PDB file of N, CA and C in Angstrom:
ATOM      1  N   MET A   1     111.350 147.123  91.644  1.00  0.00           N
ATOM      2  CA  MET A   1     110.439 146.107  92.195  1.00  0.00           C
ATOM      3  C   MET A   1     109.816 147.241  92.936  1.00  0.00           C
ATOM      4  N   PRO A   2     108.675 147.612  93.128  1.00  0.00           N
ATOM      5  CA  PRO A   2     107.719 148.234  94.642  1.00  0.00           C
ATOM      6  C   PRO A   2     108.861 147.608  96.016  1.00  0.00           C
ATOM      7  N   GLU A   3     108.252 148.952  97.068  1.00  0.00           N
ATOM      8  CA  GLU A   3     109.436 148.112  98.303  1.00  0.00           C
ATOM      9  C   GLU A   3     108.108 147.339  98.730  1.00  0.00           C
ATOM     10  N   SER A   4     107.062 147.153  99.055  1.00  0.00           N
ATOM     11  CA  SER A   4     106.320 146.109  99.536  1.00  0.00           C
ATOM     12  C   SER A   4     106.700 144.552  98.638  1.00  0.00           C
ATOM     13  N   HIS A   5     107.143 144.801  97.596  1.00  0.00           N
ATOM     14  CA  HIS A   5     107.862 143.301  97.251  1.00  0.00           C
ATOM     15  C   HIS A   5     108.717 142.964  98.119  1.00  0.00           C
ATOM     16  N   VAL A   6     110.016 143.636  98.059  1.00  0.00           N
ATOM     17  CA  VAL A   6     111.054 143.741  98.795  1.00  0.00           C
ATOM     18  C   VAL A   6     111.330 143.571 100.061  1.00  0.00           C
ATOM     19  N   GLY A   7     109.812 144.272 100.387  1.00  0.00           N
ATOM     20  CA  GLY A   7     110.153 143.290 101.693  1.00  0.00           C
ATOM     21  C   GLY A   7     109.161 142.452 101.968  1.00  0.00           C
ATOM     22  N   ILE A   8     108.045 141.808 101.464  1.00  0.00           N
ATOM     23  CA  ILE A   8     107.797 140.507 101.104  1.00  0.00           C
ATOM     24  C   ILE A   8     108.632 140.034 100.670  1.00  0.00           C
ATOM     25  N   ARG A   9     110.389 139.922  99.596  1.00  0.00           N
ATOM     26  CA  ARG A   9     111.038 138.905 100.098  1.00  0.00           C
ATOM     27  C   ARG A   9     111.553 138.082 100.827  1.00  0.00           C
ATOM     28  N   ARG A  10     111.925 139.665 101.991  1.00  0.00           N
ATOM     29  CA  ARG A  10     112.778 139.839 102.531  1.00  0.00           C
ATOM     30  C   ARG A  10     112.019 138.975 104.248  1.00  0.00           C
ATOM     31  N   GLY A  11     110.780 139.037 104.145  1.00  0.00           N
ATOM     32  CA  GLY A  11     109.930 138.244 104.993  1.00  0.00           C
ATOM     33  C   GLY A  11     109.816 136.684 105.373  1.00  0.00           C
ATOM     34  N   VAL A  12     109.999 136.445 103.281  1.00  0.00           N
ATOM     35  CA  VAL A  12     109.561 134.660 102.778  1.00  0.00           C
ATOM     36  C   VAL A  12     111.373 134.334 103.637  1.00  0.00           C
ATOM     37  N   TRP A  13     112.241 135.076 103.180  1.00  0.00           N
ATOM     38  CA  TRP A  13     113.665 134.965 102.991  1.00  0.00           C
ATOM     39  C   TRP A  13     114.435 134.074 105.078  1.00  0.00           C
ATOM     40  N   LEU A  14     113.476 135.026 106.059  1.00  0.00           N
ATOM     41  CA  LEU A  14     113.629 135.494 107.032  1.00  0.00           C
ATOM     42  C   LEU A  14     112.991 133.927 108.007  1.00  0.00           C
ATOM     43  N   ALA A  15     111.648 133.380 106.738  1.00  0.00           N
ATOM     44  CA  ALA A  15     110.929 132.613 107.304  1.00  0.00           C
ATOM     45  C   ALA A  15     111.435 131.636 106.956  1.00  0.00           C
ATOM     46  N   ILE A  16     111.905 131.105 105.553  1.00  0.00           N
ATOM     47  CA  ILE A  16     112.927 129.631 105.261  1.00  0.00           C
ATOM     48  C   ILE A  16     114.327 129.443 105.940  1.00  0.00           C
ATOM     49  N   ARG A  17     114.501 131.024 106.516  1.00  0.00           N
ATOM     50  CA  ARG A  17     116.293 130.917 107.257  1.00  0.00           C
ATOM     51  C   ARG A  17     115.280 129.905 108.538  1.00  0.00           C
ATOM     52  N   THR A  18     114.238 131.067 109.517  1.00  0.00           N
ATOM     53  CA  THR A  18     114.324 130.525 110.618  1.00  0.00           C
ATOM     54  C   THR A  18     113.654 128.605 110.499  1.00  0.00           C
ATOM     55  N   ARG A  19     113.040 128.233 109.813  1.00  0.00           N
ATOM     56  CA  ARG A  19     112.402 126.908 109.582  1.00  0.00           C
ATOM     57  C   ARG A  19     113.921 125.976 109.573  1.00  0.00           C
ATOM     58  N   MET A  20     114.786 127.123 108.593  1.00  0.00           N
ATOM     59  CA  MET A  20     115.975 125.708 108.356  1.00  0.00           C
ATOM     60  C   MET A  20     116.347 125.290 109.840  1.00  0.00           C
ATOM     61  N   ALA A  21     116.866 126.087 110.418  1.00  0.00           N
ATOM     62  CA  ALA A  21     117.910 126.693 112.345  1.00  0.00           C
ATOM     63  C   ALA A  21     116.554 125.904 112.737  1.00  0.00           C
ATOM     64  N   GLU A  22     115.280 125.635 112.684  1.00  0.00           N
ATOM     65  CA  GLU A  22     114.264 124.632 113.429  1.00  0.00           C
ATOM     66  C   GLU A  22     114.214 123.093 113.003  1.00  0.00           C
ATOM     67  N   THR A  23     114.193 122.868 112.038  1.00  0.00           N
ATOM     68  CA  THR A  23     114.527 121.459 111.501  1.00  0.00           C
ATOM     69  C   THR A  23     116.276 121.102 111.874  1.00  0.00           C
ATOM     70  N   ALA A  24     117.285 121.537 111.563  1.00  0.00           N
ATOM     71  CA  ALA A  24     118.486 121.438 112.042  1.00  0.00           C
ATOM     72  C   ALA A  24     118.718 121.029 113.442  1.00  0.00           C
ATOM     73  N   THR A  25     117.438 121.202 114.304  1.00  0.00           N
ATOM     74  CA  THR A  25     118.666 121.262 115.796  1.00  0.00           C
ATOM     75  C   THR A  25     117.026 119.820 116.001  1.00  0.00           C
ATOM     76  N   LEU A  26     115.760 119.187 115.167  1.00  0.00           N
ATOM     77  CA  LEU A  26     115.476 118.363 115.748  1.00  0.00           C
ATOM     78  C   LEU A  26     116.006 117.203 115.378  1.00  0.00           C
ATOM     79  N   ASP A  27     115.957 115.674 116.237  1.00  0.00           N
ATOM     80  CA  ASP A  27     116.419 115.008 116.407  1.00  0.00           C
ATOM     81  C   ASP A  27     115.645 113.194 115.923  1.00  0.00           C
ATOM     82  N   VAL A  28     116.679 113.248 114.873  1.00  0.00           N
ATOM     83  CA  VAL A  28     115.788 112.197 114.371  1.00  0.00           C
ATOM     84  C   VAL A  28     115.850 111.018 114.183  1.00  0.00           C
ATOM     85  N   ASN A  29     116.616 110.202 115.754  1.00  0.00           N
ATOM     86  CA  ASN A  29     116.544 109.739 115.976  1.00  0.00           C
ATOM     87  C   ASN A  29     115.848 108.387 116.266  1.00  0.00           C
ATOM     88  N   PRO A  30     115.221 107.180 115.563  1.00  0.00           N
ATOM     89  CA  PRO A  30     114.330 106.721 114.900  1.00  0.00           C
ATOM     90  C   PRO A  30     114.054 106.327 116.612  1.00  0.00           C
ATOM     91  N   ALA A  31     115.268 105.376 117.180  1.00  0.00           N
ATOM     92  CA  ALA A  31     114.324 105.312 118.494  1.00  0.00           C
ATOM     93  C   ALA A  31     114.335 106.018 119.771  1.00  0.00           C
ATOM     94  N   HIS A  32     113.789 107.267 119.334  1.00  0.00           N
ATOM     95  CA  HIS A  32     114.105 108.112 120.564  1.00  0.00           C
ATOM     96  C   HIS A  32     111.859 108.623 120.151  1.00  0.00           C
ATOM     97  N   GLU A  33     111.785 108.766 121.238  1.00  0.00           N
ATOM     98  CA  GLU A  33     109.649 108.904 121.265  1.00  0.00           C
ATOM     99  C   GLU A  33     109.124 109.894 120.753  1.00  0.00           C
ATOM    100  N   GLU A  34     110.258 110.988 120.101  1.00  0.00           N
ATOM    101  CA  GLU A  34     109.315 112.337 119.402  1.00  0.00           C
ATOM    102  C   GLU A  34     110.101 111.767 117.480  1.00  0.00           C
ATOM    103  N   SER A  35     110.551 110.962 117.547  1.00  0.00           N
ATOM    104  CA  SER A  35     110.735 110.382 116.158  1.00  0.00           C
ATOM    105  C   SER A  35     109.662 109.711 115.667  1.00  0.00           C
ATOM    106  N   ALA A  36     109.237 108.900 116.969  1.00  0.00           N
ATOM    107  CA  ALA A  36     108.183 107.881 115.997  1.00  0.00           C
ATOM    108  C   ALA A  36     107.427 108.198 115.377  1.00  0.00           C
ATOM    109  N   PRO A  37     106.584 107.401 114.155  1.00  0.00           N
ATOM    110  CA  PRO A  37     105.526 107.631 113.377  1.00  0.00           C
ATOM    111  C   PRO A  37     104.296 108.224 114.128  1.00  0.00           C
ATOM    112  N   PRO A  38     103.352 108.415 113.575  1.00  0.00           N
ATOM    113  CA  PRO A  38     101.849 108.822 113.929  1.00  0.00           C
ATOM    114  C   PRO A  38     100.761 107.365 114.859  1.00  0.00           C
ATOM    115  N   GLU A  39     100.800 107.205 115.255  1.00  0.00           N
ATOM    116  CA  GLU A  39      99.522 106.022 115.426  1.00  0.00           C
ATOM    117  C   GLU A  39      98.556 106.083 113.810  1.00  0.00           C
ATOM    118  N   MET A  40      98.784 105.084 113.474  1.00  0.00           N
ATOM    119  CA  MET A  40      97.531 104.364 112.238  1.00  0.00           C
ATOM    120  C   MET A  40      96.243 105.159 112.623  1.00  0.00           C
ATOM    121  N   ALA A  41      95.440 105.787 111.804  1.00  0.00           N
ATOM    122  CA  ALA A  41      94.158 105.747 112.052  1.00  0.00           C
ATOM    123  C   ALA A  41      93.102 104.637 112.437  1.00  0.00           C
ATOM    124  N   PRO A  42      92.007 104.369 113.092  1.00  0.00           N
ATOM    125  CA  PRO A  42      91.697 102.796 113.328  1.00  0.00           C
ATOM    126  C   PRO A  42      90.795 102.794 111.832  1.00  0.00           C
ATOM    127  N   VAL A  43      90.244 101.992 111.678  1.00  0.00           N
ATOM    128  CA  VAL A  43      89.739 101.542 110.955  1.00  0.00           C
ATOM    129  C   VAL A  43      87.777 101.432 110.834  1.00  0.00           C
ATOM    130  N   VAL A  44      87.284 102.022 110.513  1.00  0.00           N
ATOM    131  CA  VAL A  44      85.988 102.707 111.216  1.00  0.00           C
ATOM    132  C   VAL A  44      84.874 101.869 110.376  1.00  0.00           C
ATOM    133  N   ARG A  45      85.153 101.788 109.064  1.00  0.00           N
ATOM    134  CA  ARG A  45      84.055 101.101 108.414  1.00  0.00           C
ATOM    135  C   ARG A  45      84.164 100.083 108.091  1.00  0.00           C
ATOM    136  N   ALA A  46      83.133  98.936 108.725  1.00  0.00           N
ATOM    137  CA  ALA A  46      83.111  97.316 108.355  1.00  0.00           C
ATOM    138  C   ALA A  46      83.511  97.398 106.959  1.00  0.00           C
ATOM    139  N   GLU A  47      83.215  97.810 106.276  1.00  0.00           N
ATOM    140  CA  GLU A  47      83.533  97.065 104.359  1.00  0.00           C
ATOM    141  C   GLU A  47      85.122  97.075 104.228  1.00  0.00           C
ATOM    142  N   HIS A  48      85.759  98.337 104.833  1.00  0.00           N
ATOM    143  CA  HIS A  48      87.213  98.164 104.885  1.00  0.00           C
ATOM    144  C   HIS A  48      87.693  97.981 105.246  1.00  0.00           C
ATOM    145  N   ARG A  49      87.527  96.128 106.228  1.00  0.00           N
ATOM    146  CA  ARG A  49      88.786  96.163 107.068  1.00  0.00           C
ATOM    147  C   ARG A  49      88.828  94.616 106.584  1.00  0.00           C
ATOM    148  N   GLU A  50      90.371  94.022 106.549  1.00  0.00           N
ATOM    149  CA  GLU A  50      90.994  93.356 105.881  1.00  0.00           C
ATOM    150  C   GLU A  50      90.315  91.662 106.383  1.00  0.00           C
ATOM    151  N   GLY A  51      90.379  91.114 105.268  1.00  0.00           N
ATOM    152  CA  GLY A  51      89.744  89.302 105.325  1.00  0.00           C
ATOM    153  C   GLY A  51      90.544  88.758 106.330  1.00  0.00           C
ATOM    154  N   THR A  52      89.307  87.435 106.695  1.00  0.00           N
ATOM    155  CA  THR A  52      90.498  86.427 107.424  1.00  0.00           C
ATOM    156  C   THR A  52      91.830  86.500 106.824  1.00  0.00           C
ATOM    157  N   LEU A  53      91.364  85.953 105.570  1.00  0.00           N
ATOM    158  CA  LEU A  53      92.586  85.463 104.595  1.00  0.00           C
ATOM    159  C   LEU A  53      93.633  86.521 104.318  1.00  0.00           C
ATOM    160  N   ALA A  54      93.576  87.144 103.795  1.00  0.00           N
ATOM    161  CA  ALA A  54      94.800  88.518 104.304  1.00  0.00           C
ATOM    162  C   ALA A  54      95.390  88.694 105.481  1.00  0.00           C
ATOM    163  N   ARG A  55      94.829  88.501 106.495  1.00  0.00           N
ATOM    164  CA  ARG A  55      94.820  88.966 108.169  1.00  0.00           C
ATOM    165  C   ARG A  55      96.487  87.480 108.512  1.00  0.00           C
ATOM    166  N   MET A  56      95.789  86.959 107.700  1.00  0.00           N
ATOM    167  CA  MET A  56      96.820  85.397 107.358  1.00  0.00           C
ATOM    168  C   MET A  56      97.808  85.361 107.230  1.00  0.00           C
ATOM    169  N   VAL A  57      97.418  85.749 106.039  1.00  0.00           N
ATOM    170  CA  VAL A  57      98.651  86.066 104.873  1.00  0.00           C
ATOM    171  C   VAL A  57      99.747  86.779 105.959  1.00  0.00           C
ATOM    172  N   GLU A  58      99.275  87.915 106.345  1.00  0.00           N
ATOM    173  CA  GLU A  58      99.869  89.202 107.122  1.00  0.00           C
ATOM    174  C   GLU A  58     100.740  88.450 108.048  1.00  0.00           C
ATOM    175  N   GLN A  59     100.207  87.744 108.196  1.00  0.00           N
ATOM    176  CA  GLN A  59     101.041  87.399 110.223  1.00  0.00           C
ATOM    177  C   GLN A  59     102.084  85.881 109.906  1.00  0.00           C
ATOM    178  N   GLN A  60     101.888  85.068 108.983  1.00  0.00           N
ATOM    179  CA  GLN A  60     103.216  84.434 108.115  1.00  0.00           C
ATOM    180  C   GLN A  60     104.075  85.183 107.836  1.00  0.00           C
ATOM    181  N   THR A  61     104.046  85.714 106.356  1.00  0.00           N
ATOM    182  CA  THR A  61     105.054  86.571 105.871  1.00  0.00           C
ATOM    183  C   THR A  61     105.352  87.599 107.139  1.00  0.00           C
ATOM    184  N   ALA A  62     105.033  87.858 108.055  1.00  0.00           N
ATOM    185  CA  ALA A  62     106.051  88.812 109.054  1.00  0.00           C
ATOM    186  C   ALA A  62     106.913  87.593 109.305  1.00  0.00           C
ATOM    187  N   LYS A  63     107.265  86.688 109.910  1.00  0.00           N
ATOM    188  CA  LYS A  63     107.835  85.314 110.039  1.00  0.00           C
ATOM    189  C   LYS A  63     108.722  85.429 109.237  1.00  0.00           C
ATOM    190  N   ILE A  64     108.558  85.757 107.920  1.00  0.00           N
ATOM    191  CA  ILE A  64     109.819  85.085 107.071  1.00  0.00           C
ATOM    192  C   ILE A  64     110.904  86.426 107.184  1.00  0.00           C
ATOM    193  N   PRO A  65     112.448  86.030 106.861  1.00  0.00           N
ATOM    194  CA  PRO A  65     113.327  87.197 107.393  1.00  0.00           C
ATOM    195  C   PRO A  65     113.277  87.980 106.013  1.00  0.00           C
ATOM    196  N   SER A  66     113.159  89.531 106.106  1.00  0.00           N
ATOM    197  CA  SER A  66     112.678  90.619 104.784  1.00  0.00           C
ATOM    198  C   SER A  66     114.645  89.881 104.334  1.00  0.00           C
ATOM    199  N   ASP A  67     115.422  89.924 104.698  1.00  0.00           N
ATOM    200  CA  ASP A  67     117.393  89.403 103.716  1.00  0.00           C
ATOM    201  C   ASP A  67     116.763  88.097 103.315  1.00  0.00           C
ATOM    202  N   LEU A  68     115.574  87.091 103.054  1.00  0.00           N
ATOM    203  CA  LEU A  68     116.158  86.176 102.428  1.00  0.00           C
ATOM    204  C   LEU A  68     115.136  86.394 101.212  1.00  0.00           C
ATOM    205  N   PHE A  69     114.476  87.796 101.129  1.00  0.00           N
ATOM    206  CA  PHE A  69     113.835  87.925  99.646  1.00  0.00           C
ATOM    207  C   PHE A  69     114.910  88.561  98.722  1.00  0.00           C
ATOM    208  N   LEU A  70     115.810  89.469  99.446  1.00  0.00           N
ATOM    209  CA  LEU A  70     116.981  90.012  99.343  1.00  0.00           C
ATOM    210  C   LEU A  70     118.308  88.790  98.055  1.00  0.00           C
ATOM    211  N   LEU A  71     118.162  87.581  99.365  1.00  0.00           N
ATOM    212  CA  LEU A  71     119.186  86.740  98.711  1.00  0.00           C
ATOM    213  C   LEU A  71     118.498  85.828  97.100  1.00  0.00           C
ATOM    214  N   ALA A  72     117.409  85.640  97.792  1.00  0.00           N
ATOM    215  CA  ALA A  72     116.491  84.941  96.324  1.00  0.00           C
ATOM    216  C   ALA A  72     117.112  85.457  95.261  1.00  0.00           C
ATOM    217  N   SER A  73     116.351  87.019  95.428  1.00  0.00           N
ATOM    218  CA  SER A  73     116.859  87.514  94.110  1.00  0.00           C
ATOM    219  C   SER A  73     118.058  87.840  93.874  1.00  0.00           C
ATOM    220  N   LEU A  74     118.823  87.819  94.700  1.00  0.00           N
ATOM    221  CA  LEU A  74     120.129  87.662  94.209  1.00  0.00           C
ATOM    222  C   LEU A  74     120.962  86.451  93.634  1.00  0.00           C
ATOM    223  N   SER A  75     120.492  85.516  94.045  1.00  0.00           N
ATOM    224  CA  SER A  75     120.453  84.366  93.634  1.00  0.00           C
ATOM    225  C   SER A  75     119.382  83.841  91.924  1.00  0.00           C
ATOM    226  N   ALA A  76     118.621  84.789  92.059  1.00  0.00           N
ATOM    227  CA  ALA A  76     117.944  84.143  90.845  1.00  0.00           C
ATOM    228  C   ALA A  76     118.975  85.612  89.248  1.00  0.00           C
ATOM    229  N   MET A  77     119.533  86.560  89.962  1.00  0.00           N
ATOM    230  CA  MET A  77     120.161  87.597  89.148  1.00  0.00           C
ATOM    231  C   MET A  77     121.125  86.244  88.828  1.00  0.00           C
ATOM    232  N   GLY A  78     121.946  85.629  89.923  1.00  0.00           N
ATOM    233  CA  GLY A  78     122.927  85.271  89.355  1.00  0.00           C
ATOM    234  C   GLY A  78     122.499  83.576  88.620  1.00  0.00           C
ATOM    235  N   LEU A  79     121.920  83.266  88.638  1.00  0.00           N
ATOM    236  CA  LEU A  79     121.766  81.730  87.866  1.00  0.00           C
ATOM    237  C   LEU A  79     120.837  82.292  86.510  1.00  0.00           C
ATOM    238  N   SER A  80     120.263  82.836  86.854  1.00  0.00           N
ATOM    239  CA  SER A  80     120.555  83.570  85.181  1.00  0.00           C
ATOM    240  C   SER A  80     121.138  84.153  84.519  1.00  0.00           C
ATOM    241  N   LEU A  81     122.360  85.012  85.325  1.00  0.00           N
ATOM    242  CA  LEU A  81     123.700  85.018  84.409  1.00  0.00           C
ATOM    243  C   LEU A  81     124.449  83.964  83.928  1.00  0.00           C
ATOM    244  N   VAL A  82     124.464  82.733  84.506  1.00  0.00           N
ATOM    245  CA  VAL A  82     125.105  81.483  84.361  1.00  0.00           C
ATOM    246  C   VAL A  82     124.022  80.983  83.693  1.00  0.00           C
ATOM    247  N   ALA A  83     123.175  80.794  83.162  1.00  0.00           N
ATOM    248  CA  ALA A  83     122.568  80.354  81.942  1.00  0.00           C
ATOM    249  C   ALA A  83     122.114  80.987  80.914  1.00  0.00           C
ATOM    250  N   GLU A  84     122.519  82.121  81.156  1.00  0.00           N
ATOM    251  CA  GLU A  84     123.302  82.854  79.352  1.00  0.00           C
ATOM    252  C   GLU A  84     123.760  82.606  78.999  1.00  0.00           C
ATOM    253  N   PHE A  85     125.094  82.117  79.425  1.00  0.00           N
ATOM    254  CA  PHE A  85     126.407  82.282  79.596  1.00  0.00           C
ATOM    255  C   PHE A  85     126.304  80.771  78.930  1.00  0.00           C
ATOM    256  N   SER A  86     125.383  79.864  79.460  1.00  0.00           N
ATOM    257  CA  SER A  86     125.620  78.679  79.475  1.00  0.00           C
ATOM    258  C   SER A  86     125.176  77.735  77.458  1.00  0.00           C
ATOM    259  N   GLY A  87     124.385  79.362  77.323  1.00  0.00           N
ATOM    260  CA  GLY A  87     123.925  79.064  76.128  1.00  0.00           C
ATOM    261  C   GLY A  87     122.285  78.487  76.102  1.00  0.00           C
ATOM    262  N   ARG A  88     121.793  78.786  77.857  1.00  0.00           N
ATOM    263  CA  ARG A  88     120.195  78.216  77.765  1.00  0.00           C
ATOM    264  C   ARG A  88     119.499  80.097  77.484  1.00  0.00           C
ATOM    265  N   PRO A  89     119.432  80.574  76.352  1.00  0.00           N
ATOM    266  CA  PRO A  89     118.512  81.814  76.708  1.00  0.00           C
ATOM    267  C   PRO A  89     117.085  81.891  77.411  1.00  0.00           C
ATOM    268  N   LYS A  90     116.406  80.853  77.152  1.00  0.00           N
ATOM    269  CA  LYS A  90     114.881  81.051  77.437  1.00  0.00           C
ATOM    270  C   LYS A  90     114.867  80.214  79.519  1.00  0.00           C
ATOM    271  N   ALA A  91     115.948  80.021  79.709  1.00  0.00           N
ATOM    272  CA  ALA A  91     116.198  79.393  80.906  1.00  0.00           C
ATOM    273  C   ALA A  91     116.573  80.763  81.571  1.00  0.00           C
ATOM    274  N   SER A  92     117.286  81.535  81.387  1.00  0.00           N
ATOM    275  CA  SER A  92     117.840  82.807  81.665  1.00  0.00           C
ATOM    276  C   SER A  92     116.852  83.817  81.560  1.00  0.00           C
ATOM    277  N   ARG A  93     116.101  84.215  80.314  1.00  0.00           N
ATOM    278  CA  ARG A  93     114.921  84.912  81.193  1.00  0.00           C
ATOM    279  C   ARG A  93     113.797  84.545  81.943  1.00  0.00           C
ATOM    280  N   PHE A  94     113.474  83.188  81.889  1.00  0.00           N
ATOM    281  CA  PHE A  94     112.305  82.676  82.966  1.00  0.00           C
ATOM    282  C   PHE A  94     112.921  83.211  84.243  1.00  0.00           C
ATOM    283  N   VAL A  95     113.725  82.835  84.341  1.00  0.00           N
ATOM    284  CA  VAL A  95     114.876  83.087  85.863  1.00  0.00           C
ATOM    285  C   VAL A  95     115.122  84.116  86.153  1.00  0.00           C
ATOM    286  N   GLY A  96     115.098  84.981  85.171  1.00  0.00           N
ATOM    287  CA  GLY A  96     115.591  86.571  85.470  1.00  0.00           C
ATOM    288  C   GLY A  96     114.139  87.275  85.971  1.00  0.00           C
ATOM    289  N   MET A  97     113.153  87.110  85.378  1.00  0.00           N
ATOM    290  CA  MET A  97     112.451  87.175  85.392  1.00  0.00           C
ATOM    291  C   MET A  97     111.357  87.167  87.278  1.00  0.00           C
ATOM    292  N   TRP A  98     112.133  86.346  87.458  1.00  0.00           N
ATOM    293  CA  TRP A  98     111.940  86.080  89.156  1.00  0.00           C
ATOM    294  C   TRP A  98     112.393  87.359  89.800  1.00  0.00           C
ATOM    295  N   VAL A  99     113.358  87.571  89.328  1.00  0.00           N
ATOM    296  CA  VAL A  99     113.694  89.154  90.247  1.00  0.00           C
ATOM    297  C   VAL A  99     112.588  90.478  91.095  1.00  0.00           C
ATOM    298  N   GLY A 100     111.956  91.092  90.361  1.00  0.00           N
ATOM    299  CA  GLY A 100     111.105  91.779  90.284  1.00  0.00           C
ATOM    300  C   GLY A 100     110.460  91.597  91.212  1.00  0.00           C
ATOM    301  N   PRO A 101     109.159  90.115  90.646  1.00  0.00           N
ATOM    302  CA  PRO A 101     108.847  89.824  92.148  1.00  0.00           C
ATOM    303  C   PRO A 101     109.281  89.122  93.478  1.00  0.00           C
ATOM    304  N   LEU A 102     110.642  88.688  93.274  1.00  0.00           N
ATOM    305  CA  LEU A 102     110.878  88.700  95.073  1.00  0.00           C
ATOM    306  C   LEU A 102     111.306  90.131  95.689  1.00  0.00           C
ATOM    307  N   LEU A 103     111.840  90.978  94.476  1.00  0.00           N
ATOM    308  CA  LEU A 103     111.619  91.832  95.967  1.00  0.00           C
ATOM    309  C   LEU A 103     110.596  92.851  96.162  1.00  0.00           C
ATOM    310  N   THR A 104     109.339  92.916  95.266  1.00  0.00           N
ATOM    311  CA  THR A 104     107.678  93.399  95.494  1.00  0.00           C
ATOM    312  C   THR A 104     107.652  92.644  96.961  1.00  0.00           C
ATOM    313  N   MET A 105     107.799  91.237  97.262  1.00  0.00           N
ATOM    314  CA  MET A 105     107.533  90.498  98.109  1.00  0.00           C
ATOM    315  C   MET A 105     108.311  91.028  99.539  1.00  0.00           C
ATOM    316  N   GLY A 106     109.359  91.004  98.676  1.00  0.00           N
ATOM    317  CA  GLY A 106     109.997  91.482 100.768  1.00  0.00           C
ATOM    318  C   GLY A 106     110.166  93.086 100.905  1.00  0.00           C
ATOM    319  N   VAL A 107     109.028  93.728  99.553  1.00  0.00           N
ATOM    320  CA  VAL A 107     108.999  95.415 100.288  1.00  0.00           C
ATOM    321  C   VAL A 107     107.666  94.824 101.223  1.00  0.00           C
ATOM    322  N   TYR A 108     107.463  94.246 100.348  1.00  0.00           N
ATOM    323  CA  TYR A 108     105.301  93.810 100.791  1.00  0.00           C
ATOM    324  C   TYR A 108     105.630  93.160 102.406  1.00  0.00           C
ATOM    325  N   ASN A 109     106.639  92.475 102.955  1.00  0.00           N
ATOM    326  CA  ASN A 109     107.113  91.539 104.300  1.00  0.00           C
ATOM    327  C   ASN A 109     107.559  92.725 104.997  1.00  0.00           C
ATOM    328  N   LYS A 110     107.795  93.904 104.422  1.00  0.00           N
ATOM    329  CA  LYS A 110     108.762  94.761 105.295  1.00  0.00           C
ATOM    330  C   LYS A 110     107.368  95.385 106.089  1.00  0.00           C
ATOM    331  N   LEU A 111     106.831  95.834 105.057  1.00  0.00           N
ATOM    332  CA  LEU A 111     105.522  96.942 105.167  1.00  0.00           C
ATOM    333  C   LEU A 111     104.983  96.234 106.272  1.00  0.00           C
ATOM    334  N   VAL A 112     104.493  95.023 105.889  1.00  0.00           N
ATOM    335  CA  VAL A 112     103.651  94.109 107.324  1.00  0.00           C
ATOM    336  C   VAL A 112     104.855  93.984 108.694  1.00  0.00           C
ATOM    337  N   LYS A 113     105.834  94.331 108.300  1.00  0.00           N
ATOM    338  CA  LYS A 113     106.186  93.862 110.258  1.00  0.00           C
ATOM    339  C   LYS A 113     106.512  95.471 110.236  1.00  0.00           C
ATOM    340  N   MET A 114     106.485  96.366 109.599  1.00  0.00           N
ATOM    341  CA  MET A 114     106.809  97.637 109.872  1.00  0.00           C
ATOM    342  C   MET A 114     105.262  98.725 110.510  1.00  0.00           C
ATOM    343  N   LEU A 115     104.016  98.120 109.568  1.00  0.00           N
ATOM    344  CA  LEU A 115     103.162  98.670 109.565  1.00  0.00           C
ATOM    345  C   LEU A 115     101.813  97.831 110.430  1.00  0.00           C
ATOM    346  N   GLY A 116     102.292  96.548 110.498  1.00  0.00           N
ATOM    347  CA  GLY A 116     101.625  95.918 111.109  1.00  0.00           C
ATOM    348  C   GLY A 116     100.170  95.669 110.280  1.00  0.00           C
ATOM    349  N   PRO A 117      99.021  95.124 110.959  1.00  0.00           N
ATOM    350  CA  PRO A 117      97.822  94.427 110.618  1.00  0.00           C
ATOM    351  C   PRO A 117      96.928  96.084 111.772  1.00  0.00           C
ATOM    352  N   ARG A 118      96.141  96.396 110.330  1.00  0.00           N
ATOM    353  CA  ARG A 118      94.840  97.643 111.425  1.00  0.00           C
ATOM    354  C   ARG A 118      93.618  97.041 111.215  1.00  0.00           C
TER     355      ARG A 118
END
């Protein structure tokens, strides 16, 4: 291997080690102001703004606790299991299909709470 490549490899290794040392000392406390997420860019173009219906839905969904969606999906799993063991496979499949949408609604709810309306 040529001497220049060895020097480049050492330089890259030193840069990686330096970067690792810098990130090891970063404060990752979510309550610390330096760890706060950057401000969202304002919506400049009018055609990219949310409508009144979407804004109203976001405001109402933000009022629902996120744990409610998790509890509802776990309940649907349990109800599906009970229906399966009681010999009602169609009812079991029907209720079991609720789990995915309930968890998706919970993620949407969490995003609305964290990011808020733009």
